[in-house]
Amino acid sequence: MENTPETVLPRETTPTIELQISPPASLGDRLLAQAVDGLIAVGIFVLLGLTLAGKFGGLTDQGFELTGMPALILMGVLLSVMLIYFILLEAFFGATLGKVVAEIKVATRDGGRINMRASIIRNLMRFIDGIGFYLVGAFIVILTSRRVRLGDIVAGTVVLRRETGRVARAGALLVALLLGLGGIWGGIAWREASAITTGPVSATLALGVSSNHEAINPTTTFSPDVPIIYVVFRATQIQPGSRLKAVWNVVNVGAAAPANSQLAESSVVLPGPAPGNFRFRRGSEPWPVGGYKVDLYLNDQFVLSLPYKITR
């Protein structure tokens, strides 16, 4: 019997596919991204703070000081704006301006693009990761092998290194600087505009008035012991016989007086365009600490509001 030679066929092999996933971002990368994004937060904070302080009477010579409900409004709006900023940019582009500068991106665990749901989850978790100026998040990043914070663990995301390019990095940094500095400049400009308002009547609060009707030590913050608070005004482009009225109101002084209540009212008939001032004298007791404002009316038509604060 003849032996039939065997034909040995090569075995089929399964090709090995290796996924090339970028290395995880370091804690330093994340801190750099947070610092750049923080520039935008600072600009928004100053703009909102000075705007709300002008409305509620929290302007000071150095900037603003808000307490109670105005402070809660400021923080609520700031957190909401920054949360929307992080969610949208990470969901649509995988990176905020800060992450572009730091050359990192948010991705799924296999390196893919995250969806809106994951972006919302990881950014809502900032309220926990951000405790103690992000000490919680930083601690978890150091302990985990893939350098993820709690928000990434819950959302199923990672932060990876990526090459962005010098032009993109410089452009992102420039935009962040413009947004941050623009917010600061806008807040300061609004503060100046609210302190002395142009139009038929311009006015400012002050500690005194000179003989030629110029404000002495203009300010929006007064101590409880100040004997007189002045509103120094200059009326232009008005008809002789026009009546200018000042109404002094409480904004919020706690239990000392009801909120939004009227304290005093005075008026003057002007011979035409002219400077002048209103004076509000303190009684035997110090001014209650809190927020106030003076509303000016020309012929019973509202002209402008001057907020101020009594603080120790």
Protein backbone atom coordinates (compact mmCIF):
# COMPACT_ATOMS: atom_id res chain seq x y z
CA MET A 1 0.00 0.00 0.00
CA GLU A 2 1.42 3.25 -1.06
CA ASN A 3 1.77 6.04 1.34
CA THR A 4 -0.01 9.21 0.27
CA PRO A 5 2.05 12.30 1.06
CA GLU A 6 0.35 14.75 3.40
CA THR A 7 -0.19 18.30 2.37
CA VAL A 8 0.27 20.59 5.34
CA LEU A 9 -1.67 23.79 4.97
CA PRO A 10 -0.63 26.90 6.91
CA ARG A 11 -2.87 27.69 9.81
CA GLU A 12 -4.97 30.80 9.61
CA THR A 13 -3.75 33.45 11.96
CA THR A 14 -5.64 36.37 13.39
CA PRO A 15 -3.84 39.67 12.84
CA THR A 16 -3.00 41.56 16.00
CA ILE A 17 -4.40 45.09 16.11
CA GLU A 18 -2.84 47.51 18.56
CA LEU A 19 -4.74 50.61 19.57
CA GLN A 20 -2.47 53.61 19.78
CA ILE A 21 -3.84 55.70 22.64
CA SER A 22 -2.08 58.86 23.72
CA PRO A 23 -0.52 58.93 27.19
CA PRO A 24 -2.60 60.39 30.02
CA ALA A 25 -2.24 64.05 30.89
CA SER A 26 -0.13 64.80 33.93
CA LEU A 27 -1.26 66.79 36.95
CA GLY A 28 0.90 69.67 35.68
CA ASP A 29 -0.92 69.61 32.34
CA ARG A 30 -4.26 69.83 34.10
CA LEU A 31 -3.10 72.66 36.35
CA LEU A 32 -1.91 74.65 33.34
CA ALA A 33 -5.28 74.18 31.63
CA GLN A 34 -7.11 75.26 34.81
CA ALA A 35 -4.92 78.36 35.09
CA VAL A 36 -5.70 79.49 31.53
CA ASP A 37 -9.42 78.79 31.91
CA GLY A 38 -9.21 80.63 35.23
CA LEU A 39 -8.30 83.81 33.35
CA ILE A 40 -11.73 83.72 31.74
CA ALA A 41 -13.39 83.07 35.10
CA VAL A 42 -11.60 86.08 36.63
CA GLY A 43 -12.81 88.36 33.84
CA ILE A 44 -16.40 87.19 34.26
CA PHE A 45 -16.13 87.51 38.05
CA VAL A 46 -14.93 91.11 37.91
CA LEU A 47 -17.50 92.11 35.27
CA LEU A 48 -20.41 90.54 37.15
CA GLY A 49 -19.15 91.69 40.55
CA LEU A 50 -18.82 95.34 39.62
CA THR A 51 -22.14 95.28 37.79
CA LEU A 52 -24.01 93.75 40.72
CA ALA A 53 -22.17 95.95 43.23
CA GLY A 54 -23.28 99.00 41.29
CA LYS A 55 -26.85 97.81 41.49
CA PHE A 56 -26.88 96.65 45.12
CA GLY A 57 -24.48 99.17 46.64
CA GLY A 58 -21.32 97.13 47.07
CA LEU A 59 -18.80 99.30 45.23
CA THR A 60 -15.65 100.23 47.12
CA ASP A 61 -12.62 102.35 46.30
CA GLN A 62 -10.63 99.15 45.63
CA GLY A 63 -13.33 97.29 43.72
CA PHE A 64 -16.44 95.73 45.20
CA GLU A 65 -17.69 93.90 48.27
CA LEU A 66 -20.83 91.80 48.09
CA THR A 67 -22.56 89.88 50.87
CA GLY A 68 -25.85 88.08 51.28
CA MET A 69 -28.11 87.64 48.27
CA PRO A 70 -25.98 89.75 45.84
CA ALA A 71 -22.99 87.50 46.62
CA LEU A 72 -25.08 84.39 46.03
CA ILE A 73 -26.30 85.80 42.71
CA LEU A 74 -22.71 86.54 41.67
CA MET A 75 -21.45 83.05 42.49
CA GLY A 76 -24.50 81.37 40.96
CA VAL A 77 -24.16 83.20 37.65
CA LEU A 78 -20.38 82.73 37.55
CA LEU A 79 -20.60 78.99 38.21
CA SER A 80 -23.38 78.59 35.64
CA VAL A 81 -21.45 80.43 32.91
CA MET A 82 -18.23 78.50 33.54
CA LEU A 83 -20.09 75.18 33.72
CA ILE A 84 -21.69 75.84 30.33
CA TYR A 85 -18.26 76.85 28.96
CA PHE A 86 -16.67 73.55 30.05
CA ILE A 87 -19.58 71.35 29.00
CA LEU A 88 -20.02 72.75 25.49
CA LEU A 89 -16.35 73.05 24.54
CA GLU A 90 -15.46 69.59 25.82
CA ALA A 91 -18.51 67.98 24.21
CA PHE A 92 -18.01 69.56 20.78
CA PHE A 93 -14.24 70.02 20.62
CA GLY A 94 -12.85 67.79 23.35
CA ALA A 95 -11.00 70.69 24.93
CA THR A 96 -11.42 74.12 26.47
CA LEU A 97 -9.08 76.97 25.61
CA GLY A 98 -6.94 76.00 28.58
CA LYS A 99 -6.70 72.39 27.42
CA VAL A 100 -5.65 73.52 23.95
CA VAL A 101 -2.83 75.55 25.50
CA ALA A 102 -1.80 72.58 27.68
CA GLU A 103 -2.02 70.19 24.68
CA ILE A 104 -4.51 67.84 26.31
CA LYS A 105 -8.01 66.64 25.45
CA VAL A 106 -10.95 64.85 27.08
CA ALA A 107 -11.71 61.48 25.50
CA THR A 108 -13.48 58.18 26.13
CA ARG A 109 -11.45 55.38 27.70
CA ASP A 110 -10.58 53.99 24.25
CA GLY A 111 -9.47 57.42 23.02
CA GLY A 112 -12.69 58.37 21.21
CA ARG A 113 -14.74 61.54 21.32
CA ILE A 114 -16.99 62.06 24.36
CA ASN A 115 -20.68 62.83 24.04
CA MET A 116 -22.76 65.52 25.71
CA ARG A 117 -23.92 63.23 28.51
CA ALA A 118 -20.36 62.36 29.54
CA SER A 119 -19.35 66.01 29.37
CA ILE A 120 -22.22 67.05 31.62
CA ILE A 121 -21.45 64.32 34.17
CA ARG A 122 -17.69 64.98 34.38
CA ASN A 123 -18.22 68.73 34.74
CA LEU A 124 -20.99 68.50 37.33
CA MET A 125 -18.55 66.44 39.38
CA ARG A 126 -16.29 69.52 39.55
CA PHE A 127 -18.35 70.55 42.57
CA ILE A 128 -16.75 67.61 44.39
CA ASP A 129 -13.36 67.52 42.65
CA GLY A 130 -13.04 71.28 43.18
CA ILE A 131 -13.29 71.13 46.98
CA GLY A 132 -10.30 72.87 48.55
CA PHE A 133 -9.21 74.51 45.28
CA TYR A 134 -9.25 71.12 43.48
CA LEU A 135 -7.32 69.32 46.20
CA VAL A 136 -9.78 66.41 46.02
CA GLY A 137 -9.40 66.12 42.26
CA ALA A 138 -5.62 66.48 42.40
CA PHE A 139 -5.34 63.78 45.07
CA ILE A 140 -7.35 61.30 42.98
CA VAL A 141 -5.34 62.15 39.83
CA ILE A 142 -2.10 61.34 41.67
CA LEU A 143 -3.43 58.01 42.97
CA THR A 144 -4.92 56.66 39.71
CA SER A 145 -2.81 54.97 37.03
CA ARG A 146 -4.55 56.81 34.18
CA ARG A 147 -4.38 60.17 35.99
CA VAL A 148 -8.15 60.66 36.18
CA ARG A 149 -10.17 62.67 38.67
CA LEU A 150 -13.47 61.60 40.21
CA GLY A 151 -15.47 63.24 37.40
CA ASP A 152 -13.62 61.15 34.81
CA ILE A 153 -14.19 57.94 36.76
CA VAL A 154 -17.94 58.56 36.98
CA ALA A 155 -18.29 59.75 33.36
CA GLY A 156 -16.01 57.08 31.88
CA THR A 157 -13.59 59.60 30.43
CA VAL A 158 -9.87 60.25 30.46
CA VAL A 159 -7.68 63.28 29.76
CA LEU A 160 -4.96 62.53 27.24
CA ARG A 161 -1.95 64.29 25.82
CA ARG A 162 -2.12 65.47 22.20
CA GLU A 163 -0.02 67.61 19.91
CA THR A 164 -1.84 70.84 19.20
CA GLY A 165 0.71 73.02 17.45
CA ARG A 166 2.19 76.37 18.36
CA VAL A 167 -0.26 78.43 16.34
CA ALA A 168 -3.31 76.81 17.93
CA ARG A 169 -1.80 77.09 21.41
CA ALA A 170 -0.90 80.75 20.94
CA GLY A 171 -4.34 81.50 19.51
CA ALA A 172 -6.14 79.81 22.40
CA LEU A 173 -4.00 81.66 24.94
CA LEU A 174 -4.66 84.97 23.18
CA VAL A 175 -8.43 84.40 23.18
CA ALA A 176 -8.38 83.46 26.88
CA LEU A 177 -6.38 86.60 27.71
CA LEU A 178 -8.73 88.79 25.67
CA LEU A 179 -11.79 87.33 27.40
CA GLY A 180 -10.25 87.69 30.84
CA LEU A 181 -8.86 91.19 30.39
CA GLY A 182 -11.96 92.23 28.45
CA GLY A 183 -14.17 91.27 31.38
CA ILE A 184 -11.98 93.23 33.80
CA TRP A 185 -11.90 96.28 31.53
CA GLY A 186 -15.66 96.08 30.96
CA GLY A 187 -16.34 95.94 34.70
CA ILE A 188 -14.08 98.90 35.42
CA ALA A 189 -15.61 100.90 32.57
CA TRP A 190 -19.10 100.16 33.86
CA ARG A 191 -18.05 101.19 37.35
CA GLU A 192 -16.77 104.52 36.12
CA ALA A 193 -19.89 105.07 34.05
CA SER A 194 -22.13 104.29 37.04
CA ALA A 195 -20.21 106.59 39.38
CA ILE A 196 -20.68 109.65 37.17
CA THR A 197 -23.45 109.30 34.63
CA THR A 198 -23.58 111.56 31.62
CA GLY A 199 -26.79 113.05 30.23
CA PRO A 200 -29.02 115.93 31.34
CA VAL A 201 -27.86 115.26 34.90
CA SER A 202 -24.53 113.79 36.00
CA ALA A 203 -23.86 113.02 39.65
CA THR A 204 -21.56 111.30 42.08
CA LEU A 205 -21.56 110.47 45.77
CA ALA A 206 -18.88 112.12 47.90
CA LEU A 207 -17.73 112.91 51.41
CA GLY A 208 -17.85 116.62 50.75
CA VAL A 209 -18.33 119.42 48.23
CA SER A 210 -16.12 122.39 47.41
CA SER A 211 -17.15 126.02 47.09
CA ASN A 212 -17.27 125.68 43.28
CA HIS A 213 -19.51 122.60 43.52
CA GLU A 214 -16.82 119.97 42.89
CA ALA A 215 -17.00 116.62 44.69
CA ILE A 216 -14.48 116.12 47.51
CA ASN A 217 -13.38 112.49 47.98
CA PRO A 218 -15.90 110.82 45.64
CA THR A 219 -16.75 107.35 46.90
CA THR A 220 -19.49 104.75 47.06
CA THR A 221 -18.46 103.39 50.46
CA PHE A 222 -19.05 105.29 53.70
CA SER A 223 -18.39 104.54 57.37
CA PRO A 224 -21.29 104.42 59.86
CA ASP A 225 -19.98 107.59 61.55
CA VAL A 226 -19.93 109.85 58.49
CA PRO A 227 -22.04 112.89 59.46
CA ILE A 228 -23.17 113.87 55.95
CA ILE A 229 -23.37 112.03 52.64
CA TYR A 230 -23.33 114.28 49.57
CA VAL A 231 -24.73 113.84 46.10
CA VAL A 232 -22.88 116.33 43.90
CA PHE A 233 -24.65 116.92 40.60
CA ARG A 234 -24.33 118.98 37.46
CA ALA A 235 -27.45 119.68 35.41
CA THR A 236 -27.04 120.46 31.71
CA GLN A 237 -29.41 120.91 28.79
CA ILE A 238 -32.44 121.52 31.01
CA GLN A 239 -35.09 124.20 30.99
CA PRO A 240 -35.31 126.88 33.73
CA GLY A 241 -37.77 125.87 36.42
CA SER A 242 -36.96 122.14 36.14
CA ARG A 243 -37.27 120.25 39.39
CA LEU A 244 -34.52 117.79 40.40
CA LYS A 245 -35.46 115.36 43.15
CA ALA A 246 -33.28 112.97 45.20
CA VAL A 247 -34.86 109.95 46.88
CA TRP A 248 -32.73 108.08 49.43
CA ASN A 249 -33.58 104.38 49.69
CA VAL A 250 -32.55 101.35 51.70
CA VAL A 251 -31.51 98.35 49.60
CA ASN A 252 -30.67 95.95 52.39
CA VAL A 253 -29.57 96.73 55.95
CA GLY A 254 -30.88 93.62 57.68
CA ALA A 255 -33.20 94.15 60.63
CA ALA A 256 -32.34 97.86 60.93
CA ALA A 257 -34.90 98.84 58.27
CA PRO A 258 -37.17 97.11 55.74
CA ALA A 259 -35.52 96.30 52.41
CA ASN A 260 -36.32 98.68 49.53
CA SER A 261 -37.82 101.29 51.84
CA GLN A 262 -37.55 105.06 51.40
CA LEU A 263 -35.48 107.02 53.91
CA ALA A 264 -35.75 110.60 52.76
CA GLU A 265 -36.59 112.86 49.84
CA SER A 266 -35.48 116.35 48.83
CA SER A 267 -35.80 118.45 45.71
CA VAL A 268 -34.64 121.71 44.20
CA VAL A 269 -35.93 123.95 41.40
CA LEU A 270 -33.11 124.81 39.02
CA PRO A 271 -32.79 128.15 37.19
CA GLY A 272 -31.33 126.28 34.23
CA PRO A 273 -28.10 124.37 33.67
CA ALA A 274 -26.27 124.55 36.99
CA PRO A 275 -24.23 122.54 39.51
CA GLY A 276 -25.46 121.74 42.99
CA ASN A 277 -25.67 119.10 45.70
CA PHE A 278 -28.02 117.22 47.99
CA ARG A 279 -27.07 116.41 51.58
CA PHE A 280 -28.27 113.61 53.80
CA ARG A 281 -27.40 114.19 57.46
CA ARG A 282 -26.97 111.40 59.97
CA GLY A 283 -29.10 111.42 63.08
CA SER A 284 -27.89 110.69 66.60
CA GLU A 285 -27.23 107.04 65.75
CA PRO A 286 -24.62 105.71 63.26
CA TRP A 287 -25.78 104.72 59.80
CA PRO A 288 -26.83 101.04 59.77
CA VAL A 289 -24.37 98.87 57.87
CA GLY A 290 -25.66 97.67 54.50
CA GLY A 291 -26.61 98.73 51.00
CA TYR A 292 -28.34 101.96 49.95
CA LYS A 293 -29.03 103.99 46.83
CA VAL A 294 -30.04 107.49 45.78
CA ASP A 295 -32.45 107.82 42.86
CA LEU A 296 -32.53 111.13 40.97
CA TYR A 297 -35.62 112.35 39.12
CA LEU A 298 -35.89 115.30 36.73
CA ASN A 299 -39.44 116.62 36.56
CA ASP A 300 -40.58 113.28 38.08
CA GLN A 301 -38.82 111.30 35.35
CA PHE A 302 -36.19 108.85 36.58
CA VAL A 303 -32.68 109.93 35.55
CA LEU A 304 -30.15 107.75 37.33
CA SER A 305 -29.45 105.69 40.42
CA LEU A 306 -26.36 106.00 42.64
CA PRO A 307 -25.81 102.90 44.81
CA TYR A 308 -23.60 103.09 47.87
CA LYS A 309 -22.69 101.06 50.94
CA ILE A 310 -22.18 101.68 54.63
CA THR A 311 -19.43 99.44 55.96
CA ARG A 312 -17.20 99.31 59.00
